[in-house]
């Protein structure tokens, strides 16, 4: 996927900080809860990366910024939080 992971300044975010996520939530609502993403990695579809620590991050996908399409925790298990598959 060609991600440049941000390891110099590790985030204080935890997986639990994203428990509010549900399909259809807007990008602005996400930013209000957890702040700006660390990177935008999508092309065509908006995909935002939130770094948790050195080996884990959250990917949020928006076809339109008005509605969350999917959220995925990337770690050793690559779990879908909402949507996806």
C-alpha atoms as a PDB file:
ATOM      1  CA  UNK A   1       0.000   0.000   0.000  1.00  0.00           C
ATOM      2  CA  UNK A   2       3.047   2.277   0.157  1.00  0.00           C
ATOM      3  CA  UNK A   3       2.449   3.922   3.534  1.00  0.00           C
ATOM      4  CA  UNK A   4       5.041   6.139   5.143  1.00  0.00           C
ATOM      5  CA  UNK A   5       4.617   5.443   8.816  1.00  0.00           C
ATOM      6  CA  UNK A   6       5.227   8.248  11.255  1.00  0.00           C
ATOM      7  CA  UNK A   7       7.533   6.900  13.933  1.00  0.00           C
ATOM      8  CA  UNK A   8       9.456  10.007  15.036  1.00  0.00           C
ATOM      9  CA  UNK A   9       6.607  11.324  17.199  1.00  0.00           C
ATOM     10  CA  UNK A  10       4.377   8.510  18.306  1.00  0.00           C
ATOM     11  CA  UNK A  11       0.767   9.356  18.998  1.00  0.00           C
ATOM     12  CA  UNK A  12      -0.893   9.219  22.384  1.00  0.00           C
ATOM     13  CA  UNK A  13      -4.052   7.911  20.661  1.00  0.00           C
ATOM     14  CA  UNK A  14      -5.416   4.525  21.668  1.00  0.00           C
ATOM     15  CA  UNK A  15      -7.771   2.144  19.847  1.00  0.00           C
ATOM     16  CA  UNK A  16     -10.392   3.006  22.460  1.00  0.00           C
ATOM     17  CA  UNK A  17     -10.356   6.631  21.233  1.00  0.00           C
ATOM     18  CA  UNK A  18     -12.040   5.373  18.039  1.00  0.00           C
ATOM     19  CA  UNK A  19     -14.898   3.428  19.665  1.00  0.00           C
ATOM     20  CA  UNK A  20     -17.338   6.201  18.695  1.00  0.00           C
ATOM     21  CA  UNK A  21     -16.940   5.366  14.985  1.00  0.00           C
ATOM     22  CA  UNK A  22     -19.973   4.236  13.046  1.00  0.00           C
ATOM     23  CA  UNK A  23     -20.733   4.079   9.366  1.00  0.00           C
ATOM     24  CA  UNK A  24     -22.006   7.374   8.008  1.00  0.00           C
ATOM     25  CA  UNK A  25     -20.214   9.641  10.505  1.00  0.00           C
ATOM     26  CA  UNK A  26     -18.636  12.656   8.786  1.00  0.00           C
ATOM     27  CA  UNK A  27     -14.937  13.442   8.527  1.00  0.00           C
ATOM     28  CA  UNK A  28     -15.539  16.639  10.533  1.00  0.00           C
ATOM     29  CA  UNK A  29     -17.104  14.606  13.363  1.00  0.00           C
ATOM     30  CA  UNK A  30     -14.066  12.309  13.406  1.00  0.00           C
ATOM     31  CA  UNK A  31     -11.699  15.299  13.563  1.00  0.00           C
ATOM     32  CA  UNK A  32     -13.749  16.772  16.415  1.00  0.00           C
ATOM     33  CA  UNK A  33     -13.222  13.538  18.410  1.00  0.00           C
ATOM     34  CA  UNK A  34      -9.629  12.551  17.619  1.00  0.00           C
ATOM     35  CA  UNK A  35      -8.054  15.488  15.795  1.00  0.00           C
ATOM     36  CA  UNK A  36      -6.517  15.758  12.355  1.00  0.00           C
ATOM     37  CA  UNK A  37      -5.113  12.561  10.804  1.00  0.00           C
ATOM     38  CA  UNK A  38      -1.392  11.997  10.570  1.00  0.00           C
ATOM     39  CA  UNK A  39      -1.562  11.385   6.810  1.00  0.00           C
ATOM     40  CA  UNK A  40      -3.951  11.180   3.886  1.00  0.00           C
ATOM     41  CA  UNK A  41      -2.979   8.109   1.874  1.00  0.00           C
ATOM     42  CA  UNK A  42      -5.938   7.643  -0.462  1.00  0.00           C
ATOM     43  CA  UNK A  43      -6.192   8.364  -4.138  1.00  0.00           C
ATOM     44  CA  UNK A  44      -9.732   8.894  -5.419  1.00  0.00           C
ATOM     45  CA  UNK A  45     -11.183   7.640  -2.140  1.00  0.00           C
ATOM     46  CA  UNK A  46     -10.160   9.663   0.921  1.00  0.00           C
ATOM     47  CA  UNK A  47      -8.161   7.386   3.223  1.00  0.00           C
ATOM     48  CA  UNK A  48      -6.847   8.917   6.429  1.00  0.00           C
ATOM     49  CA  UNK A  49      -4.177   7.360   8.627  1.00  0.00           C
ATOM     50  CA  UNK A  50      -4.127   7.792  12.389  1.00  0.00           C
ATOM     51  CA  UNK A  51      -0.903   6.435  13.902  1.00  0.00           C
ATOM     52  CA  UNK A  52      -1.387   4.694  17.258  1.00  0.00           C
ATOM     53  CA  UNK A  53       2.151   3.495  17.904  1.00  0.00           C
ATOM     54  CA  UNK A  54       5.105   2.141  15.958  1.00  0.00           C
ATOM     55  CA  UNK A  55       3.297  -0.956  14.683  1.00  0.00           C
ATOM     56  CA  UNK A  56      -0.395  -0.021  14.732  1.00  0.00           C
ATOM     57  CA  UNK A  57      -2.569   2.505  12.981  1.00  0.00           C
ATOM     58  CA  UNK A  58      -6.180   3.186  12.021  1.00  0.00           C
ATOM     59  CA  UNK A  59      -7.227   3.702   8.398  1.00  0.00           C
ATOM     60  CA  UNK A  60     -10.498   5.556   7.809  1.00  0.00           C
ATOM     61  CA  UNK A  61     -12.002   5.486   4.306  1.00  0.00           C
ATOM     62  CA  UNK A  62     -14.447   8.072   3.006  1.00  0.00           C
ATOM     63  CA  UNK A  63     -15.896   7.996  -0.507  1.00  0.00           C
ATOM     64  CA  UNK A  64     -17.426  11.355   0.427  1.00  0.00           C
ATOM     65  CA  UNK A  65     -16.203  13.355   3.429  1.00  0.00           C
ATOM     66  CA  UNK A  66     -19.797  13.388   4.637  1.00  0.00           C
ATOM     67  CA  UNK A  67     -19.918   9.644   5.345  1.00  0.00           C
ATOM     68  CA  UNK A  68     -17.431   7.119   6.780  1.00  0.00           C
ATOM     69  CA  UNK A  69     -17.233   4.068   4.528  1.00  0.00           C
ATOM     70  CA  UNK A  70     -14.929   1.871   6.636  1.00  0.00           C
ATOM     71  CA  UNK A  71     -12.412   1.867   9.481  1.00  0.00           C
ATOM     72  CA  UNK A  72      -9.616  -0.643   9.857  1.00  0.00           C
ATOM     73  CA  UNK A  73      -7.122  -1.264  12.640  1.00  0.00           C
ATOM     74  CA  UNK A  74      -3.852  -2.298  11.051  1.00  0.00           C
ATOM     75  CA  UNK A  75      -1.789  -4.476  13.352  1.00  0.00           C
ATOM     76  CA  UNK A  76      -0.804  -8.131  13.317  1.00  0.00           C
ATOM     77  CA  UNK A  77      -4.494  -9.110  12.941  1.00  0.00           C
ATOM     78  CA  UNK A  78      -5.766  -6.363  10.542  1.00  0.00           C
ATOM     79  CA  UNK A  79      -9.207  -6.039  12.127  1.00  0.00           C
ATOM     80  CA  UNK A  80     -12.122  -4.154  10.607  1.00  0.00           C
ATOM     81  CA  UNK A  81     -13.651  -1.765  13.140  1.00  0.00           C
ATOM     82  CA  UNK A  82     -16.646  -0.793  10.985  1.00  0.00           C
ATOM     83  CA  UNK A  83     -17.600  -1.490   7.361  1.00  0.00           C
ATOM     84  CA  UNK A  84     -15.060  -3.073   5.078  1.00  0.00           C
ATOM     85  CA  UNK A  85     -14.447  -6.521   3.694  1.00  0.00           C
END
